[in-house]
Amino acid sequence: MDDAKRQHKIRLSGIDAPEKNQAFGQRSKESLSDLVFAKTVDVETDKVDRYGRRVGKIWVNGIDANLEQIKRGMAWHYKQYAREQSKEDQREYAEAEDEAREAKRGLWKDVEPVAPWEFRRRQ
């Protein structure tokens, strides 16, 4: 909610998280909630998606929550939209995904994790 107590839907830029009914979907949601729920956050946004949601990067206590979700193994770096990221974010997000994958954190514990965009396509 903002200062006027209005709630905003934000699509996290640079990442794609598992769907609710997909493996790790609930854990991903809980992880993000642990990061931001009832906390003051800053949102860097300059885009609206086709569903009317703002698309942006969430900052909480100096932490990029989008990047943190990748580090925790709770989201993929959404490379299809990487061109919309800064070069630094592209590099950091890609490296974080590689590190989470190698460490088998979160969704990378699965033998064959299914990317959310593939999961949605199959539905």
Protein backbone atom coordinates (compact mmCIF):
# COMPACT_ATOMS: atom_id res chain seq x y z
CA MET A 1 0.00 0.00 0.00
CA ASP A 2 1.12 3.51 -0.60
CA ASP A 3 0.77 6.51 1.71
CA ALA A 4 -2.86 6.88 0.59
CA LYS A 5 -3.50 3.23 1.60
CA ARG A 6 -3.91 2.13 -2.04
CA GLN A 7 -2.71 -1.35 -2.93
CA HIS A 8 -0.65 -1.78 -6.10
CA LYS A 9 0.01 -4.90 -8.15
CA ILE A 10 3.65 -5.05 -9.18
CA ARG A 11 5.10 -7.52 -11.69
CA LEU A 12 8.72 -8.11 -10.69
CA SER A 13 10.98 -7.21 -13.58
CA GLY A 14 13.74 -9.53 -14.70
CA ILE A 15 12.34 -12.64 -13.03
CA ASP A 16 9.68 -15.27 -13.54
CA ALA A 17 8.54 -17.29 -10.55
CA PRO A 18 6.78 -20.66 -10.47
CA GLU A 19 3.00 -20.55 -10.80
CA LYS A 20 0.88 -21.23 -7.69
CA ASN A 21 0.00 -24.78 -8.78
CA GLN A 22 3.54 -25.53 -9.95
CA ALA A 23 6.36 -27.11 -7.93
CA PHE A 24 7.89 -24.47 -5.63
CA GLY A 25 5.08 -22.01 -6.43
CA GLN A 26 3.92 -21.70 -2.83
CA ARG A 27 7.47 -21.61 -1.47
CA SER A 28 8.39 -18.86 -3.92
CA LYS A 29 5.39 -16.82 -2.80
CA GLU A 30 6.30 -17.34 0.87
CA SER A 31 9.90 -16.32 0.19
CA LEU A 32 8.83 -13.07 -1.44
CA SER A 33 6.36 -12.43 1.35
CA ASP A 34 9.14 -12.90 3.92
CA LEU A 35 11.15 -10.28 2.06
CA VAL A 36 8.51 -7.57 1.68
CA PHE A 37 5.36 -8.15 3.75
CA ALA A 38 4.53 -5.25 6.09
CA LYS A 39 7.77 -3.49 5.15
CA THR A 40 8.38 -0.20 3.45
CA VAL A 41 9.61 -0.84 -0.07
CA ASP A 42 10.75 1.30 -2.97
CA VAL A 43 9.66 0.39 -6.47
CA GLU A 44 11.62 1.35 -9.59
CA THR A 45 9.13 1.14 -12.42
CA ASP A 46 8.62 2.64 -15.86
CA LYS A 47 6.39 0.08 -17.55
CA VAL A 48 2.86 -1.32 -17.34
CA ASP A 49 2.17 -4.85 -18.60
CA ARG A 50 -0.82 -5.93 -20.66
CA TYR A 51 -2.72 -6.77 -17.46
CA GLY A 52 -2.33 -3.23 -16.09
CA ARG A 53 0.32 -4.16 -13.52
CA ARG A 54 3.33 -1.94 -12.97
CA VAL A 55 6.55 -3.78 -13.84
CA GLY A 56 9.51 -2.97 -11.65
CA LYS A 57 12.30 -3.72 -9.28
CA ILE A 58 11.43 -3.89 -5.58
CA TRP A 59 13.92 -2.56 -3.04
CA VAL A 60 13.57 -3.38 0.66
CA ASN A 61 16.20 -2.26 3.14
CA GLY A 62 18.71 -1.79 0.31
CA ILE A 63 18.12 -5.30 -1.08
CA ASP A 64 16.92 -5.94 -4.63
CA ALA A 65 14.07 -8.35 -3.82
CA ASN A 66 13.85 -9.52 -7.44
CA LEU A 67 17.51 -10.56 -7.40
CA GLU A 68 17.16 -12.09 -3.94
CA GLN A 69 14.38 -14.37 -5.21
CA ILE A 70 16.77 -15.68 -7.88
CA LYS A 71 19.56 -16.12 -5.34
CA ARG A 72 17.23 -18.15 -3.12
CA GLY A 73 16.30 -20.38 -6.04
CA MET A 74 12.72 -19.14 -5.99
CA ALA A 75 12.64 -17.64 -9.50
CA TRP A 76 14.28 -17.79 -12.89
CA HIS A 77 16.08 -14.90 -14.54
CA TYR A 78 13.51 -14.01 -17.21
CA LYS A 79 15.98 -13.76 -20.07
CA GLN A 80 13.22 -13.15 -22.63
CA TYR A 81 12.91 -9.65 -21.14
CA ALA A 82 16.58 -9.13 -20.26
CA ARG A 83 16.87 -6.39 -22.90
CA GLU A 84 14.68 -4.27 -20.61
CA GLN A 85 17.27 -4.57 -17.82
CA SER A 86 20.47 -2.63 -17.35
CA LYS A 87 23.63 -4.49 -18.41
CA GLU A 88 24.59 -4.73 -14.73
CA ASP A 89 21.24 -6.28 -13.77
CA GLN A 90 21.42 -8.69 -16.71
CA ARG A 91 24.83 -9.88 -15.51
CA GLU A 92 23.90 -10.05 -11.79
CA TYR A 93 20.62 -11.87 -12.40
CA ALA A 94 22.21 -14.39 -14.79
CA GLU A 95 25.09 -15.06 -12.37
CA ALA A 96 22.69 -15.43 -9.45
CA GLU A 97 20.67 -18.02 -11.37
CA ASP A 98 23.82 -19.94 -12.28
CA GLU A 99 24.97 -19.93 -8.64
CA ALA A 100 21.56 -21.03 -7.31
CA ARG A 101 21.41 -23.79 -9.92
CA GLU A 102 24.91 -25.05 -9.07
CA ALA A 103 24.13 -24.97 -5.33
CA LYS A 104 20.78 -26.70 -5.95
CA ARG A 105 18.93 -24.04 -3.98
CA GLY A 106 15.15 -23.89 -4.00
CA LEU A 107 13.55 -25.00 -7.25
CA TRP A 108 16.95 -26.17 -8.53
CA LYS A 109 16.67 -29.15 -6.15
CA ASP A 110 14.29 -30.70 -8.69
CA VAL A 111 15.96 -33.01 -11.19
CA GLU A 112 14.18 -31.29 -14.09
CA PRO A 113 12.64 -27.98 -12.99
CA VAL A 114 10.08 -26.61 -15.42
CA ALA A 115 10.36 -22.92 -16.22
CA PRO A 116 7.12 -21.02 -15.53
CA TRP A 117 6.79 -19.91 -19.16
CA GLU A 118 6.94 -23.57 -20.21
CA PHE A 119 4.47 -24.56 -17.49
CA ARG A 120 2.01 -21.87 -18.68
CA ARG A 121 2.44 -22.92 -22.32
CA ARG A 122 1.52 -26.53 -21.42
CA GLN A 123 -1.69 -25.49 -19.64
